[in-house]
N, C-alpha and C. Protein backbone atom coordinates (compact mmCIF):
# COMPACT_ATOMS: atom_id res chain seq x y z
N UNK A 1 -61.78 14.24 40.62
CA UNK A 1 -61.68 13.36 41.29
C UNK A 1 -61.63 14.48 41.98
N UNK A 2 -61.76 13.17 43.93
CA UNK A 2 -60.89 15.08 45.09
C UNK A 2 -59.38 13.71 45.30
N UNK A 3 -58.73 13.83 46.29
CA UNK A 3 -57.99 13.09 46.71
C UNK A 3 -57.28 14.67 47.39
N UNK A 4 -55.76 13.71 47.07
CA UNK A 4 -54.24 13.99 47.09
C UNK A 4 -53.90 14.97 45.30
N UNK A 5 -54.28 14.26 44.74
CA UNK A 5 -54.25 13.79 43.68
C UNK A 5 -54.56 14.44 43.09
N UNK A 6 -55.26 15.24 43.13
CA UNK A 6 -56.39 16.63 42.25
C UNK A 6 -55.92 17.69 42.83
N UNK A 7 -55.63 17.53 45.18
CA UNK A 7 -55.20 18.46 45.50
C UNK A 7 -54.36 19.78 44.45
N UNK A 8 -53.28 18.05 43.70
CA UNK A 8 -51.80 19.11 43.73
C UNK A 8 -52.18 18.88 42.15
N UNK A 9 -52.91 19.03 41.47
CA UNK A 9 -52.99 19.02 39.78
C UNK A 9 -52.86 17.84 39.34
N UNK A 10 -52.53 16.15 40.11
CA UNK A 10 -53.01 15.12 39.67
C UNK A 10 -54.24 14.59 39.21
N UNK A 11 -53.36 13.53 38.08
CA UNK A 11 -54.54 12.63 38.23
C UNK A 11 -54.75 11.29 38.60
N UNK A 12 -55.42 10.16 39.04
CA UNK A 12 -54.42 8.92 38.93
C UNK A 12 -54.97 8.34 37.79
N UNK A 13 -55.40 8.88 37.15
CA UNK A 13 -55.02 7.61 35.65
C UNK A 13 -53.52 8.83 34.81
N UNK A 14 -52.38 9.70 35.93
CA UNK A 14 -51.52 8.93 35.38
C UNK A 14 -50.21 8.23 34.55
N UNK A 15 -49.70 8.94 33.07
CA UNK A 15 -48.97 8.00 32.71
C UNK A 15 -47.78 7.58 33.86
N UNK A 16 -47.15 6.60 33.74
CA UNK A 16 -46.11 6.21 35.16
C UNK A 16 -44.85 6.42 34.09
N UNK A 17 -43.88 7.73 34.43
CA UNK A 17 -42.67 7.88 33.97
C UNK A 17 -41.13 6.81 33.74
N UNK A 18 -40.86 5.95 33.97
CA UNK A 18 -39.92 4.98 33.55
C UNK A 18 -38.63 5.17 32.31
N UNK A 19 -37.27 4.92 32.78
CA UNK A 19 -36.57 4.73 32.20
C UNK A 19 -36.25 4.07 31.78
N UNK A 20 -35.37 3.76 30.82
CA UNK A 20 -34.59 2.47 30.58
C UNK A 20 -33.15 2.01 30.49
N UNK A 21 -32.52 1.11 31.39
CA UNK A 21 -31.46 1.10 31.94
C UNK A 21 -30.47 0.11 31.26
N UNK A 22 -29.49 0.12 30.59
CA UNK A 22 -29.04 -0.90 29.67
C UNK A 22 -28.04 -1.04 30.22
N UNK A 23 -27.34 -1.68 30.58
CA UNK A 23 -25.76 -2.25 30.92
C UNK A 23 -25.31 -4.07 31.56
N UNK A 24 -24.58 -4.10 31.82
CA UNK A 24 -24.53 -5.73 32.52
C UNK A 24 -24.05 -5.60 33.78
N UNK A 25 -24.00 -6.97 34.21
CA UNK A 25 -23.71 -7.64 35.56
C UNK A 25 -22.67 -7.98 35.64
N UNK A 26 -22.24 -7.38 35.40
CA UNK A 26 -20.01 -7.23 35.84
C UNK A 26 -20.19 -7.53 36.59
N UNK A 27 -20.08 -7.47 37.96
CA UNK A 27 -20.32 -7.51 38.63
C UNK A 27 -20.11 -9.43 39.99
N UNK A 28 -20.62 -9.31 38.62
CA UNK A 28 -21.04 -11.57 38.96
C UNK A 28 -19.90 -12.25 37.93
N UNK A 29 -18.88 -11.50 37.60
CA UNK A 29 -17.96 -12.08 37.35
C UNK A 29 -16.39 -11.83 37.87
N UNK A 30 -16.25 -13.43 37.68
CA UNK A 30 -15.01 -13.76 39.06
C UNK A 30 -14.24 -13.43 38.62
N UNK A 31 -12.78 -13.50 39.91
CA UNK A 31 -11.22 -13.31 39.05
C UNK A 31 -11.10 -14.48 37.98
N UNK A 32 -11.19 -15.73 38.65
CA UNK A 32 -11.48 -17.16 38.36
C UNK A 32 -11.62 -17.33 36.78
N UNK A 33 -12.94 -16.76 37.37
CA UNK A 33 -13.76 -17.12 36.14
C UNK A 33 -12.79 -16.91 34.82
N UNK A 34 -13.31 -15.51 34.84
CA UNK A 34 -12.94 -14.79 33.85
C UNK A 34 -11.20 -14.66 32.57
N UNK A 35 -10.37 -14.83 33.73
CA UNK A 35 -8.90 -15.89 33.87
C UNK A 35 -8.56 -17.28 33.00
N UNK A 36 -10.02 -17.51 33.60
CA UNK A 36 -10.27 -19.25 32.92
C UNK A 36 -10.26 -19.07 30.84
N UNK A 37 -11.23 -17.76 31.52
CA UNK A 37 -12.16 -17.78 29.95
C UNK A 37 -11.03 -16.81 29.09
N UNK A 38 -10.02 -16.35 29.48
CA UNK A 38 -9.55 -15.51 28.37
C UNK A 38 -8.11 -16.73 28.29
N UNK A 39 -7.33 -17.98 28.93
CA UNK A 39 -6.67 -18.91 28.89
C UNK A 39 -6.84 -19.43 27.79
N UNK A 40 -8.67 -19.75 27.96
CA UNK A 40 -8.87 -20.82 27.15
C UNK A 40 -9.54 -20.69 25.12
N UNK A 41 -9.21 -18.63 25.24
CA UNK A 41 -9.84 -17.66 23.94
C UNK A 41 -8.68 -18.42 22.94
N UNK A 42 -7.14 -18.06 23.42
CA UNK A 42 -6.04 -18.38 23.16
C UNK A 42 -5.24 -17.54 22.97
N UNK A 43 -5.49 -15.95 23.22
CA UNK A 43 -4.63 -14.96 23.28
C UNK A 43 -3.46 -15.47 24.52
N UNK A 44 -3.31 -16.43 25.29
CA UNK A 44 -1.86 -16.41 25.36
C UNK A 44 -1.09 -17.36 24.87
N UNK A 45 -2.47 -17.68 23.97
CA UNK A 45 -1.52 -18.52 22.50
C UNK A 45 0.10 -17.85 22.59
N UNK A 46 1.23 -18.69 22.19
CA UNK A 46 1.76 -17.88 21.60
C UNK A 46 2.04 -17.08 20.01
N UNK A 47 1.29 -18.74 18.98
CA UNK A 47 1.64 -17.58 17.44
C UNK A 47 -0.40 -16.86 17.81
N UNK A 48 0.49 -15.82 18.18
CA UNK A 48 -0.58 -14.15 17.75
C UNK A 48 -0.07 -14.06 16.20
N UNK A 49 -0.86 -13.57 15.87
CA UNK A 49 -0.87 -12.92 14.77
C UNK A 49 0.52 -11.48 14.61
N UNK A 50 0.77 -11.32 12.94
CA UNK A 50 1.84 -11.27 13.10
C UNK A 50 2.26 -9.11 13.67
N UNK A 51 0.85 -9.11 12.99
CA UNK A 51 0.83 -7.11 12.13
C UNK A 51 0.02 -6.11 14.31
N UNK A 52 0.06 -5.78 14.86
CA UNK A 52 0.39 -5.10 15.90
C UNK A 52 -1.27 -4.65 15.36
N UNK A 53 -1.17 -3.95 14.61
CA UNK A 53 -3.38 -4.07 14.30
C UNK A 53 -4.35 -5.01 14.65
N UNK A 54 -4.05 -6.53 13.90
CA UNK A 54 -4.08 -7.38 13.72
C UNK A 54 -4.97 -8.00 15.20
N UNK A 55 -4.00 -7.87 15.90
CA UNK A 55 -2.99 -8.92 17.89
C UNK A 55 -4.42 -7.27 17.95
N UNK A 56 -3.83 -6.28 18.74
CA UNK A 56 -5.03 -5.96 18.95
C UNK A 56 -6.71 -5.91 18.18
N UNK A 57 -7.45 -5.93 16.78
CA UNK A 57 -8.14 -6.83 16.95
C UNK A 57 -8.64 -8.19 17.46
N UNK A 58 -7.95 -9.36 17.56
CA UNK A 58 -8.03 -10.01 17.52
C UNK A 58 -8.54 -10.60 19.86
N UNK A 59 -7.49 -9.43 20.25
CA UNK A 59 -7.78 -8.67 21.99
C UNK A 59 -8.31 -8.47 21.81
N UNK A 60 -9.74 -7.26 20.90
CA UNK A 60 -10.85 -6.86 21.11
C UNK A 60 -11.93 -7.40 20.75
N UNK A 61 -12.04 -8.04 19.60
CA UNK A 61 -12.81 -9.54 20.13
C UNK A 61 -12.94 -10.16 20.96
N UNK A 62 -12.47 -10.46 20.63
CA UNK A 62 -11.76 -12.31 22.42
C UNK A 62 -12.93 -11.37 23.55
N UNK A 63 -11.93 -10.58 23.59
CA UNK A 63 -12.33 -10.02 24.97
C UNK A 63 -14.31 -9.71 25.16
N UNK A 64 -14.23 -8.60 23.76
CA UNK A 64 -15.52 -8.65 23.20
C UNK A 64 -16.57 -10.38 23.36
N UNK A 65 -16.78 -10.86 22.95
CA UNK A 65 -16.37 -11.95 23.29
C UNK A 65 -17.29 -12.52 24.52
N UNK A 66 -16.04 -12.67 25.35
CA UNK A 66 -15.93 -13.00 25.71
C UNK A 66 -17.04 -12.19 27.29
N UNK A 67 -16.39 -10.96 26.98
CA UNK A 67 -17.53 -10.36 28.42
C UNK A 67 -19.05 -10.74 27.23
N UNK A 68 -19.28 -10.44 26.22
CA UNK A 68 -20.81 -11.24 26.11
C UNK A 68 -21.50 -12.33 26.35
N UNK A 69 -20.53 -13.35 26.77
CA UNK A 69 -20.34 -14.47 27.32
C UNK A 69 -20.43 -14.95 28.73
N UNK A 70 -20.10 -13.91 30.02
CA UNK A 70 -19.81 -13.79 31.28
C UNK A 70 -21.16 -12.44 31.31
N UNK A 71 -21.29 -12.18 31.19
CA UNK A 71 -22.16 -10.48 31.61
C UNK A 71 -22.66 -9.96 30.68
N UNK A 72 -24.42 -10.69 30.24
CA UNK A 72 -24.95 -10.09 28.59
C UNK A 72 -24.92 -8.84 29.32
N UNK A 73 -25.34 -8.13 28.26
CA UNK A 73 -26.43 -6.73 28.43
C UNK A 73 -27.76 -7.01 29.35
N UNK A 74 -28.63 -6.00 29.69
CA UNK A 74 -29.73 -6.22 30.00
C UNK A 74 -29.87 -5.06 30.04
N UNK A 75 -32.09 -4.35 29.86
CA UNK A 75 -31.82 -3.78 29.98
C UNK A 75 -32.76 -3.73 31.04
N UNK A 76 -33.87 -2.47 31.28
CA UNK A 76 -34.63 -2.92 32.47
C UNK A 76 -35.25 -1.39 32.76
N UNK A 77 -36.31 -1.90 33.10
CA UNK A 77 -37.27 -0.48 33.25
C UNK A 77 -37.15 0.25 34.76
N UNK A 78 -37.24 1.28 35.11
CA UNK A 78 -37.21 1.57 36.32
C UNK A 78 -38.48 3.19 36.46
N UNK A 79 -38.36 2.94 37.44
CA UNK A 79 -39.55 4.18 37.51
C UNK A 79 -38.15 5.86 37.45
N UNK A 80 -38.43 6.80 36.95
CA UNK A 80 -38.33 8.23 36.98
C UNK A 80 -38.74 8.93 37.78
N UNK A 81 -37.75 8.90 38.72
CA UNK A 81 -37.94 9.71 40.08
C UNK A 81 -38.08 10.90 39.92
N UNK A 82 -39.26 11.33 40.08
CA UNK A 82 -39.68 12.73 39.73
C UNK A 82 -39.81 13.37 41.23
N UNK A 83 -39.46 14.37 41.27
CA UNK A 83 -39.20 15.81 42.70
C UNK A 83 -41.42 15.44 43.02
N UNK A 84 -41.07 15.68 44.35
CA UNK A 84 -42.87 15.89 44.31
C UNK A 84 -43.37 17.25 44.88
N UNK A 85 -44.44 17.27 44.48
CA UNK A 85 -44.76 18.74 44.33
C UNK A 85 -44.45 20.00 44.77
N UNK A 86 -44.32 19.05 47.03
CA UNK A 86 -44.34 19.54 47.33
C UNK A 86 -42.58 20.53 47.88
N UNK A 87 -42.02 19.95 46.88
CA UNK A 87 -40.40 20.44 47.06
C UNK A 87 -39.85 21.88 46.17
N UNK A 88 -40.12 22.56 46.54
CA UNK A 88 -40.53 23.97 45.13
C UNK A 88 -38.79 24.88 45.74
N UNK A 89 -39.27 25.31 45.00
CA UNK A 89 -38.08 26.43 44.61
C UNK A 89 -37.70 26.73 46.05
N UNK A 90 -39.00 27.36 46.88
CA UNK A 90 -38.22 27.83 48.99
C UNK A 90 -37.48 27.14 49.01
N UNK A 91 -38.03 25.25 48.59
CA UNK A 91 -36.76 23.74 49.10
C UNK A 91 -36.23 24.06 48.46
N UNK A 92 -34.58 24.57 48.11
CA UNK A 92 -34.24 24.21 47.85
C UNK A 92 -33.26 24.95 48.05
N UNK A 93 -33.55 26.54 47.73
CA UNK A 93 -33.45 27.90 48.36
C UNK A 93 -32.18 27.04 49.57
N UNK A 94 -33.67 26.67 50.18
CA UNK A 94 -32.84 26.74 51.79
C UNK A 94 -32.39 25.50 51.82
N UNK A 95 -31.65 24.83 50.70
CA UNK A 95 -30.86 23.63 51.30
C UNK A 95 -29.59 24.83 50.34
N UNK A 96 -29.97 24.86 50.00
CA UNK A 96 -28.54 25.11 49.01
C UNK A 96 -27.74 26.15 50.56
N UNK A 97 -28.42 27.41 51.43
CA UNK A 97 -28.06 27.82 51.48
C UNK A 97 -27.31 27.41 53.24
N UNK A 98 -28.33 26.18 52.74
CA UNK A 98 -27.57 25.04 55.02
C UNK A 98 -26.81 25.09 54.88
N UNK A 99 -26.18 24.61 53.18
CA UNK A 99 -25.28 23.23 52.68
C UNK A 99 -23.96 24.67 52.67
N UNK A 100 -24.30 26.09 52.29
CA UNK A 100 -23.67 27.00 52.51
C UNK A 100 -22.89 27.21 53.93
N UNK A 101 -24.24 26.86 54.36
CA UNK A 101 -22.95 27.88 56.05
C UNK A 101 -22.52 26.92 56.46
N UNK A 102 -22.84 25.34 56.64
CA UNK A 102 -21.92 24.16 56.51
C UNK A 102 -20.81 24.82 56.35
N UNK A 103 -20.66 24.32 54.79
CA UNK A 103 -19.13 25.54 55.13
C UNK A 103 -18.91 25.66 54.93
N UNK A 104 -19.46 26.82 55.68
CA UNK A 104 -18.65 28.38 56.06
C UNK A 104 -18.28 27.93 57.84
N UNK A 105 -19.55 27.33 58.12
CA UNK A 105 -18.81 27.06 59.30
C UNK A 105 -17.43 25.99 59.81
N UNK A 106 -17.92 25.36 58.86
CA UNK A 106 -16.37 24.08 58.96
C UNK A 106 -14.94 24.68 58.25
N UNK A 107 -15.08 25.82 58.17
CA UNK A 107 -13.87 26.95 57.13
C UNK A 107 -13.44 27.52 58.69
N UNK A 108 -14.48 27.93 58.67
CA UNK A 108 -13.45 28.80 60.08
C UNK A 108 -13.59 27.35 61.05
N UNK A 109 -14.57 27.30 61.75
CA UNK A 109 -13.74 25.83 62.28
C UNK A 109 -12.38 25.40 62.85
N UNK A 110 -12.29 24.99 61.07
CA UNK A 110 -10.73 24.74 61.15
C UNK A 110 -9.61 25.61 60.81
N UNK A 111 -10.00 26.79 60.65
CA UNK A 111 -8.78 28.30 60.54
C UNK A 111 -9.38 28.30 62.48
N UNK A 112 -9.78 28.55 62.91
CA UNK A 112 -9.84 28.86 64.61
C UNK A 112 -8.96 27.72 65.44
N UNK A 113 -9.66 26.34 65.34
CA UNK A 113 -8.22 24.78 65.45
C UNK A 113 -6.90 25.30 65.34
N UNK A 114 -6.53 25.46 64.01
CA UNK A 114 -5.41 26.04 63.75
C UNK A 114 -4.83 27.14 64.33
N UNK A 115 -5.47 28.02 64.88
CA UNK A 115 -5.05 29.03 65.71
C UNK A 115 -4.35 29.53 66.73
N UNK A 116 -5.36 27.84 67.64
CA UNK A 116 -5.15 27.50 68.52
C UNK A 116 -3.65 26.61 68.76
N UNK A 117 -4.00 25.90 67.85
CA UNK A 117 -2.47 25.37 68.35
C UNK A 117 -1.19 26.70 68.46
N UNK A 118 -1.32 27.10 66.51
CA UNK A 118 -0.31 27.92 66.55
C UNK A 118 0.14 28.39 68.82
N UNK A 119 -1.00 29.27 68.88
CA UNK A 119 -0.83 29.58 70.47
C UNK A 119 0.23 28.75 71.55
N UNK A 120 -0.48 27.42 71.16
CA UNK A 120 0.14 26.56 72.38
C UNK A 120 0.69 25.82 71.92
N UNK A 121 1.92 25.80 70.38
CA UNK A 121 3.03 25.73 70.16
C UNK A 121 3.68 27.06 70.89
N UNK A 122 3.41 28.15 70.82
CA UNK A 122 4.01 29.93 71.27
C UNK A 122 4.43 30.03 72.03
N UNK A 123 3.64 29.08 73.29
CA UNK A 123 4.10 29.04 74.83
C UNK A 123 4.54 28.41 75.20
N UNK A 124 4.72 26.68 73.95
CA UNK A 124 5.55 25.66 74.28
C UNK A 124 6.29 26.20 74.84
N UNK A 125 6.99 27.27 73.95
CA UNK A 125 8.61 27.53 73.57
C UNK A 125 8.49 28.74 74.14
N UNK A 126 8.40 29.08 75.14
CA UNK A 126 8.48 30.32 76.17
C UNK A 126 8.77 29.95 77.61
C-alpha cells in the first residue's frame, strides 16, 4: 500500500491502541446532596457503636455506600496517544535545550533586575 502509513512503516490495518480508564464522576456530586445523604445514613445519630473500631467500620462502609450511590465506578476506553513518527530524539533534545535556555534566561534576567534595583536604592541614599 502506498501513502503516508507505508512511508513511515505503518499499515492501514494497524490495531487501535486503547487504554481503559477507571474512575468516578465525583464532580457531579454537590455538597448539598452529599450532606443530605450523610444525614440520612445515620452517621449523625447519637447512638453510634461503643468501640472506636466499630465506629470506624461504620464510617467507612457508610461513606463507601454513599459514594457508590452518588458516583458509580465507570470504565471507558480512550486512545492512548503515541508520539508521531516525526517526533524523534532530535526533536526531544531540541525542546529540552530550549527549556534549559529559557530557565537560564529567566534566572539571569531576575538577577539583573535585582542588581538594577540595588543600584537605584544606592543612588537615592546619596
